[in-house]
Amino acid sequence: MKKLSTFTLVAIFWIAISVTLATAQTNIPATNAPATTPAKPPLPKLLDLGANRCVPCKAMVPILEELKKEYAGKLEVEFIDVWKNPDAGKPYEIQMIPTQIFFDASGKELFRHTGFYGKDDILAKWKELGVDLKIAK
């Protein structure tokens, strides 16, 4: 009977340790878990549809790059080369290149322009559309 009691006590002891360890492990924060990043709010978007071999389209490249850099976090700027990827331009039903399409943060088209469009004109159009792109200085 004494052996049975010792065996029972040892078994209960190991069960208690196992339960304690299992409970403790579930409360330890995972160190390898991917960090969750908060979702970025949608931004207004300027989409330029053109081609790398089109002269007015080439003239748009530095303007688009400046806008992308200067207004990072306030404006999304995207370029689609419709000669290299014609299917990407089909949903926009463009007639000529370059074509710039202005979208609000919800993705609704606000305005479109065909041909070269200068940086000052683009910024003025955003202002006219009621989109505040002011950079904090």
N, C-alpha and C. Protein backbone atom coordinates (compact mmCIF):
# COMPACT_ATOMS: atom_id res chain seq x y z
N MET A 1 0.82 -1.18 0.00
CA MET A 1 0.00 0.00 0.00
C MET A 1 0.86 1.24 0.00
N LYS A 2 2.00 1.15 0.72
CA LYS A 2 2.90 2.29 0.77
C LYS A 2 3.46 2.59 -0.62
N LYS A 3 3.77 1.54 -1.42
CA LYS A 3 4.28 1.75 -2.77
C LYS A 3 3.23 2.44 -3.66
N LEU A 4 2.02 2.05 -3.50
CA LEU A 4 0.95 2.64 -4.27
C LEU A 4 0.78 4.11 -3.92
N SER A 5 0.91 4.45 -2.66
CA SER A 5 0.80 5.84 -2.24
C SER A 5 1.95 6.67 -2.78
N THR A 6 3.15 6.14 -2.74
CA THR A 6 4.31 6.85 -3.26
C THR A 6 4.15 7.05 -4.76
N PHE A 7 3.72 5.99 -5.45
CA PHE A 7 3.51 6.09 -6.89
C PHE A 7 2.44 7.13 -7.19
N THR A 8 1.36 7.15 -6.44
CA THR A 8 0.28 8.11 -6.64
C THR A 8 0.77 9.53 -6.40
N LEU A 9 1.56 9.73 -5.35
CA LEU A 9 2.09 11.05 -5.06
C LEU A 9 3.02 11.53 -6.17
N VAL A 10 3.88 10.64 -6.66
CA VAL A 10 4.80 11.00 -7.75
C VAL A 10 4.01 11.35 -9.01
N ALA A 11 2.99 10.57 -9.30
CA ALA A 11 2.16 10.83 -10.49
C ALA A 11 1.46 12.18 -10.36
N ILE A 12 0.89 12.45 -9.21
CA ILE A 12 0.21 13.73 -8.98
C ILE A 12 1.21 14.87 -9.10
N PHE A 13 2.42 14.67 -8.56
CA PHE A 13 3.46 15.69 -8.64
C PHE A 13 3.80 15.99 -10.10
N TRP A 14 4.00 14.97 -10.93
CA TRP A 14 4.34 15.17 -12.34
C TRP A 14 3.18 15.80 -13.13
N ILE A 15 1.99 15.42 -12.80
CA ILE A 15 0.82 16.03 -13.45
C ILE A 15 0.74 17.51 -13.10
N ALA A 16 0.98 17.83 -11.83
CA ALA A 16 0.93 19.23 -11.40
C ALA A 16 2.00 20.05 -12.11
N ILE A 17 3.20 19.50 -12.21
CA ILE A 17 4.29 20.21 -12.91
C ILE A 17 3.94 20.40 -14.38
N SER A 18 3.40 19.36 -15.02
CA SER A 18 3.04 19.45 -16.44
C SER A 18 1.97 20.52 -16.68
N VAL A 19 0.97 20.54 -15.81
CA VAL A 19 -0.09 21.54 -15.96
C VAL A 19 0.47 22.94 -15.74
N THR A 20 1.34 23.10 -14.76
CA THR A 20 1.94 24.41 -14.48
C THR A 20 2.78 24.88 -15.67
N LEU A 21 3.58 23.98 -16.22
CA LEU A 21 4.41 24.36 -17.37
C LEU A 21 3.56 24.69 -18.60
N ALA A 22 2.53 23.91 -18.83
CA ALA A 22 1.66 24.16 -19.99
C ALA A 22 0.97 25.51 -19.85
N THR A 23 0.52 25.82 -18.66
CA THR A 23 -0.15 27.10 -18.42
C THR A 23 0.83 28.25 -18.56
N ALA A 24 2.03 28.09 -18.05
CA ALA A 24 3.03 29.15 -18.13
C ALA A 24 3.43 29.42 -19.57
N GLN A 25 3.52 28.38 -20.39
CA GLN A 25 3.93 28.56 -21.78
C GLN A 25 2.89 29.31 -22.59
N THR A 26 1.63 29.15 -22.28
CA THR A 26 0.61 29.86 -23.05
C THR A 26 0.57 31.33 -22.71
N ASN A 27 1.16 31.73 -21.58
CA ASN A 27 1.17 33.14 -21.19
C ASN A 27 2.43 33.87 -21.63
N ILE A 28 3.38 33.16 -22.20
CA ILE A 28 4.62 33.79 -22.66
C ILE A 28 4.38 34.38 -24.04
N PRO A 29 4.68 35.67 -24.22
CA PRO A 29 4.48 36.25 -25.56
C PRO A 29 5.44 35.61 -26.55
N ALA A 30 4.94 35.35 -27.73
CA ALA A 30 5.77 34.74 -28.77
C ALA A 30 6.78 35.76 -29.28
N THR A 31 8.03 35.35 -29.33
CA THR A 31 9.06 36.26 -29.81
C THR A 31 9.27 36.15 -31.31
N ASN A 32 8.82 35.05 -31.89
CA ASN A 32 8.99 34.86 -33.33
C ASN A 32 7.73 35.21 -34.12
N ALA A 33 6.71 35.68 -33.42
CA ALA A 33 5.48 36.04 -34.11
C ALA A 33 5.72 37.29 -34.95
N PRO A 34 5.15 37.33 -36.17
CA PRO A 34 5.34 38.51 -37.01
C PRO A 34 4.69 39.73 -36.35
N ALA A 35 5.37 40.83 -36.45
CA ALA A 35 4.84 42.08 -35.90
C ALA A 35 3.65 42.51 -36.74
N THR A 36 2.62 42.92 -36.09
CA THR A 36 1.46 43.41 -36.83
C THR A 36 1.62 44.90 -37.03
N THR A 37 1.51 45.30 -38.27
CA THR A 37 1.61 46.72 -38.58
C THR A 37 0.20 47.24 -38.81
N PRO A 38 -0.06 48.40 -38.28
CA PRO A 38 -1.40 48.94 -38.49
C PRO A 38 -1.63 49.20 -39.98
N ALA A 39 -2.85 48.99 -40.40
CA ALA A 39 -3.18 49.20 -41.80
C ALA A 39 -3.01 50.68 -42.14
N LYS A 40 -2.37 50.90 -43.28
CA LYS A 40 -2.18 52.28 -43.74
C LYS A 40 -3.50 52.81 -44.28
N PRO A 41 -3.82 54.04 -43.95
CA PRO A 41 -5.06 54.59 -44.52
C PRO A 41 -4.88 54.77 -46.02
N PRO A 42 -5.95 54.58 -46.77
CA PRO A 42 -5.83 54.76 -48.22
C PRO A 42 -5.48 56.21 -48.56
N LEU A 43 -4.73 56.37 -49.62
CA LEU A 43 -4.28 57.69 -50.06
C LEU A 43 -4.90 58.05 -51.40
N PRO A 44 -5.00 59.34 -51.68
CA PRO A 44 -5.36 59.71 -53.06
C PRO A 44 -4.25 59.21 -53.99
N LYS A 45 -4.60 59.00 -55.23
CA LYS A 45 -3.65 58.36 -56.15
C LYS A 45 -3.62 59.09 -57.48
N LEU A 46 -2.40 59.27 -57.98
CA LEU A 46 -2.19 59.77 -59.34
C LEU A 46 -1.66 58.60 -60.15
N LEU A 47 -2.41 58.20 -61.15
CA LEU A 47 -2.00 57.10 -62.02
C LEU A 47 -1.63 57.70 -63.38
N ASP A 48 -0.42 57.40 -63.83
CA ASP A 48 0.04 57.86 -65.13
C ASP A 48 0.16 56.65 -66.04
N LEU A 49 -0.57 56.67 -67.13
CA LEU A 49 -0.50 55.59 -68.11
C LEU A 49 0.25 56.12 -69.32
N GLY A 50 1.35 55.46 -69.66
CA GLY A 50 2.18 55.94 -70.75
C GLY A 50 3.09 54.83 -71.23
N ALA A 51 4.25 55.23 -71.73
CA ALA A 51 5.24 54.27 -72.22
C ALA A 51 6.62 54.88 -72.08
N ASN A 52 7.59 54.03 -71.82
CA ASN A 52 8.96 54.51 -71.65
C ASN A 52 9.58 55.06 -72.93
N ARG A 53 8.98 54.76 -74.10
CA ARG A 53 9.54 55.23 -75.36
C ARG A 53 8.76 56.40 -75.96
N CYS A 54 7.79 56.90 -75.26
CA CYS A 54 6.97 58.01 -75.73
C CYS A 54 7.58 59.31 -75.20
N VAL A 55 7.82 60.31 -76.07
CA VAL A 55 8.51 61.54 -75.68
C VAL A 55 7.79 62.30 -74.55
N PRO A 56 6.49 62.60 -74.66
CA PRO A 56 5.84 63.30 -73.55
C PRO A 56 5.81 62.44 -72.27
N CYS A 57 5.74 61.12 -72.46
CA CYS A 57 5.74 60.22 -71.30
C CYS A 57 7.08 60.29 -70.58
N LYS A 58 8.16 60.34 -71.36
CA LYS A 58 9.50 60.46 -70.76
C LYS A 58 9.63 61.76 -69.98
N ALA A 59 9.00 62.81 -70.48
CA ALA A 59 9.05 64.10 -69.79
C ALA A 59 8.28 64.05 -68.46
N MET A 60 7.36 63.12 -68.33
CA MET A 60 6.59 62.97 -67.09
C MET A 60 7.38 62.26 -66.00
N VAL A 61 8.36 61.46 -66.38
CA VAL A 61 9.09 60.62 -65.41
C VAL A 61 9.67 61.42 -64.24
N PRO A 62 10.45 62.50 -64.48
CA PRO A 62 10.99 63.22 -63.33
C PRO A 62 9.91 63.87 -62.46
N ILE A 63 8.83 64.28 -63.08
CA ILE A 63 7.72 64.89 -62.32
C ILE A 63 7.09 63.85 -61.41
N LEU A 64 6.84 62.67 -61.95
CA LEU A 64 6.24 61.60 -61.15
C LEU A 64 7.16 61.19 -60.01
N GLU A 65 8.46 61.12 -60.29
CA GLU A 65 9.42 60.75 -59.25
C GLU A 65 9.46 61.80 -58.14
N GLU A 66 9.44 63.07 -58.51
CA GLU A 66 9.43 64.15 -57.51
C GLU A 66 8.17 64.07 -56.65
N LEU A 67 7.02 63.88 -57.30
CA LEU A 67 5.77 63.79 -56.55
C LEU A 67 5.79 62.59 -55.60
N LYS A 68 6.29 61.48 -56.09
CA LYS A 68 6.35 60.26 -55.28
C LYS A 68 7.21 60.49 -54.04
N LYS A 69 8.33 61.18 -54.22
CA LYS A 69 9.26 61.41 -53.12
C LYS A 69 8.75 62.51 -52.18
N GLU A 70 8.34 63.63 -52.73
CA GLU A 70 7.93 64.78 -51.92
C GLU A 70 6.62 64.56 -51.17
N TYR A 71 5.73 63.76 -51.72
CA TYR A 71 4.42 63.57 -51.11
C TYR A 71 4.22 62.14 -50.60
N ALA A 72 5.31 61.47 -50.28
CA ALA A 72 5.23 60.12 -49.71
C ALA A 72 4.38 60.17 -48.44
N GLY A 73 3.46 59.25 -48.33
CA GLY A 73 2.58 59.23 -47.17
C GLY A 73 1.33 60.09 -47.32
N LYS A 74 1.30 60.91 -48.38
CA LYS A 74 0.14 61.77 -48.64
C LYS A 74 -0.50 61.46 -49.99
N LEU A 75 0.31 60.92 -50.91
CA LEU A 75 -0.15 60.69 -52.28
C LEU A 75 0.54 59.44 -52.81
N GLU A 76 -0.25 58.58 -53.43
CA GLU A 76 0.31 57.42 -54.11
C GLU A 76 0.48 57.81 -55.58
N VAL A 77 1.65 57.51 -56.13
CA VAL A 77 1.93 57.81 -57.53
C VAL A 77 2.31 56.50 -58.21
N GLU A 78 1.61 56.20 -59.30
CA GLU A 78 1.87 54.94 -60.00
C GLU A 78 2.00 55.20 -61.50
N PHE A 79 2.90 54.47 -62.14
CA PHE A 79 3.08 54.55 -63.59
C PHE A 79 2.85 53.16 -64.18
N ILE A 80 2.08 53.10 -65.26
CA ILE A 80 1.89 51.84 -65.99
C ILE A 80 2.34 52.07 -67.42
N ASP A 81 3.27 51.24 -67.86
CA ASP A 81 3.73 51.28 -69.25
C ASP A 81 2.76 50.43 -70.07
N VAL A 82 1.89 51.08 -70.81
CA VAL A 82 0.84 50.36 -71.54
C VAL A 82 1.35 49.72 -72.83
N TRP A 83 2.56 50.04 -73.25
CA TRP A 83 3.13 49.34 -74.40
C TRP A 83 3.75 48.02 -73.94
N LYS A 84 4.35 48.03 -72.77
CA LYS A 84 4.93 46.78 -72.24
C LYS A 84 3.85 45.88 -71.64
N ASN A 85 2.80 46.48 -71.11
CA ASN A 85 1.74 45.73 -70.44
C ASN A 85 0.37 46.28 -70.86
N PRO A 86 -0.05 45.98 -72.10
CA PRO A 86 -1.30 46.55 -72.60
C PRO A 86 -2.53 46.17 -71.77
N ASP A 87 -2.54 44.97 -71.20
CA ASP A 87 -3.69 44.54 -70.41
C ASP A 87 -3.89 45.40 -69.17
N ALA A 88 -2.80 45.93 -68.62
CA ALA A 88 -2.91 46.75 -67.41
C ALA A 88 -3.62 48.07 -67.69
N GLY A 89 -3.55 48.55 -68.92
CA GLY A 89 -4.19 49.81 -69.26
C GLY A 89 -5.64 49.67 -69.72
N LYS A 90 -6.04 48.46 -70.11
CA LYS A 90 -7.39 48.26 -70.65
C LYS A 90 -8.51 48.71 -69.71
N PRO A 91 -8.44 48.43 -68.42
CA PRO A 91 -9.56 48.85 -67.55
C PRO A 91 -9.79 50.36 -67.53
N TYR A 92 -8.78 51.13 -67.92
CA TYR A 92 -8.89 52.59 -67.85
C TYR A 92 -9.38 53.21 -69.15
N GLU A 93 -9.52 52.39 -70.19
CA GLU A 93 -10.06 52.82 -71.48
C GLU A 93 -9.43 54.12 -71.98
N ILE A 94 -8.11 54.18 -71.96
CA ILE A 94 -7.43 55.39 -72.41
C ILE A 94 -7.41 55.45 -73.93
N GLN A 95 -7.36 56.66 -74.45
CA GLN A 95 -7.34 56.89 -75.90
C GLN A 95 -5.96 57.30 -76.38
N MET A 96 -5.21 58.01 -75.53
CA MET A 96 -3.87 58.50 -75.87
C MET A 96 -2.97 58.36 -74.65
N ILE A 97 -1.67 58.45 -74.91
CA ILE A 97 -0.72 58.48 -73.80
C ILE A 97 0.14 59.73 -73.94
N PRO A 98 0.59 60.26 -72.82
CA PRO A 98 0.28 59.84 -71.46
C PRO A 98 -1.10 60.31 -71.04
N THR A 99 -1.70 59.55 -70.15
CA THR A 99 -2.96 59.92 -69.51
C THR A 99 -2.75 59.86 -68.02
N GLN A 100 -3.13 60.91 -67.33
CA GLN A 100 -3.04 60.94 -65.87
C GLN A 100 -4.47 60.86 -65.33
N ILE A 101 -4.66 59.96 -64.36
CA ILE A 101 -5.97 59.81 -63.73
C ILE A 101 -5.81 60.09 -62.24
N PHE A 102 -6.65 60.97 -61.73
CA PHE A 102 -6.64 61.36 -60.32
C PHE A 102 -7.74 60.59 -59.61
N PHE A 103 -7.38 59.87 -58.55
CA PHE A 103 -8.34 59.10 -57.76
C PHE A 103 -8.36 59.63 -56.33
N ASP A 104 -9.55 59.65 -55.72
CA ASP A 104 -9.60 60.01 -54.31
C ASP A 104 -9.15 58.79 -53.49
N ALA A 105 -9.11 58.95 -52.17
CA ALA A 105 -8.60 57.88 -51.30
C ALA A 105 -9.47 56.63 -51.34
N SER A 106 -10.72 56.76 -51.76
CA SER A 106 -11.59 55.58 -51.85
C SER A 106 -11.48 54.89 -53.20
N GLY A 107 -10.70 55.46 -54.14
CA GLY A 107 -10.52 54.85 -55.45
C GLY A 107 -11.45 55.40 -56.52
N LYS A 108 -12.22 56.41 -56.19
CA LYS A 108 -13.14 57.02 -57.17
C LYS A 108 -12.36 57.97 -58.07
N GLU A 109 -12.57 57.83 -59.37
CA GLU A 109 -11.91 58.73 -60.32
C GLU A 109 -12.50 60.12 -60.18
N LEU A 110 -11.59 61.10 -60.04
CA LEU A 110 -12.00 62.49 -59.89
C LEU A 110 -11.78 63.31 -61.15
N PHE A 111 -10.72 62.96 -61.90
CA PHE A 111 -10.33 63.78 -63.05
C PHE A 111 -9.35 62.98 -63.90
N ARG A 112 -9.34 63.28 -65.18
CA ARG A 112 -8.32 62.68 -66.04
C ARG A 112 -7.83 63.72 -67.04
N HIS A 113 -6.56 63.60 -67.38
CA HIS A 113 -5.90 64.53 -68.29
C HIS A 113 -5.11 63.71 -69.29
N THR A 114 -5.10 64.16 -70.54
CA THR A 114 -4.31 63.49 -71.58
C THR A 114 -3.22 64.42 -72.06
N GLY A 115 -2.01 63.89 -72.19
CA GLY A 115 -0.86 64.66 -72.64
C GLY A 115 0.06 64.98 -71.48
N PHE A 116 1.11 65.73 -71.78
CA PHE A 116 2.03 66.14 -70.72
C PHE A 116 1.30 67.02 -69.72
N TYR A 117 1.62 66.82 -68.43
CA TYR A 117 0.97 67.60 -67.37
C TYR A 117 2.05 67.99 -66.37
N GLY A 118 2.33 69.27 -66.27
CA GLY A 118 3.40 69.76 -65.40
C GLY A 118 3.10 69.58 -63.92
N LYS A 119 4.14 69.60 -63.13
CA LYS A 119 4.01 69.41 -61.68
C LYS A 119 3.11 70.46 -61.04
N ASP A 120 3.32 71.74 -61.38
CA ASP A 120 2.48 72.80 -60.81
C ASP A 120 1.01 72.62 -61.19
N ASP A 121 0.77 72.18 -62.42
CA ASP A 121 -0.60 71.93 -62.86
C ASP A 121 -1.22 70.77 -62.10
N ILE A 122 -0.44 69.74 -61.86
CA ILE A 122 -0.93 68.57 -61.11
C ILE A 122 -1.29 68.99 -59.69
N LEU A 123 -0.40 69.73 -59.05
CA LEU A 123 -0.66 70.17 -57.67
C LEU A 123 -1.86 71.11 -57.60
N ALA A 124 -1.99 71.99 -58.60
CA ALA A 124 -3.14 72.89 -58.64
C ALA A 124 -4.44 72.10 -58.82
N LYS A 125 -4.39 71.05 -59.63
CA LYS A 125 -5.59 70.23 -59.85
C LYS A 125 -5.97 69.51 -58.56
N TRP A 126 -5.00 68.97 -57.81
CA TRP A 126 -5.32 68.33 -56.53
C TRP A 126 -5.99 69.33 -55.59
N LYS A 127 -5.45 70.55 -55.56
CA LYS A 127 -6.03 71.58 -54.70
C LYS A 127 -7.45 71.89 -55.13
N GLU A 128 -7.65 72.03 -56.43
CA GLU A 128 -8.99 72.31 -56.98
C GLU A 128 -9.96 71.18 -56.63
N LEU A 129 -9.46 69.95 -56.59
CA LEU A 129 -10.29 68.78 -56.27
C LEU A 129 -10.53 68.64 -54.76
N GLY A 130 -9.90 69.54 -53.99
CA GLY A 130 -10.13 69.52 -52.54
C GLY A 130 -9.24 68.56 -51.78
N VAL A 131 -8.15 68.13 -52.41
CA VAL A 131 -7.21 67.22 -51.74
C VAL A 131 -6.06 68.03 -51.21
N ASP A 132 -5.87 67.97 -49.88
CA ASP A 132 -4.81 68.74 -49.22
C ASP A 132 -3.52 67.93 -49.24
N LEU A 133 -2.56 68.38 -50.01
CA LEU A 133 -1.26 67.71 -50.08
C LEU A 133 -0.16 68.54 -49.43
N LYS A 134 -0.53 69.49 -48.59
CA LYS A 134 0.47 70.35 -47.96
C LYS A 134 1.47 69.52 -47.20
N ILE A 135 2.74 69.88 -47.39
CA ILE A 135 3.83 69.20 -46.70
C ILE A 135 4.15 70.02 -45.44
N ALA A 136 4.22 69.33 -44.29
CA ALA A 136 4.60 70.02 -43.05
C ALA A 136 6.06 70.41 -43.13
N LYS A 137 6.35 71.66 -42.82
CA LYS A 137 7.74 72.12 -42.91
C LYS A 137 8.33 72.35 -41.55
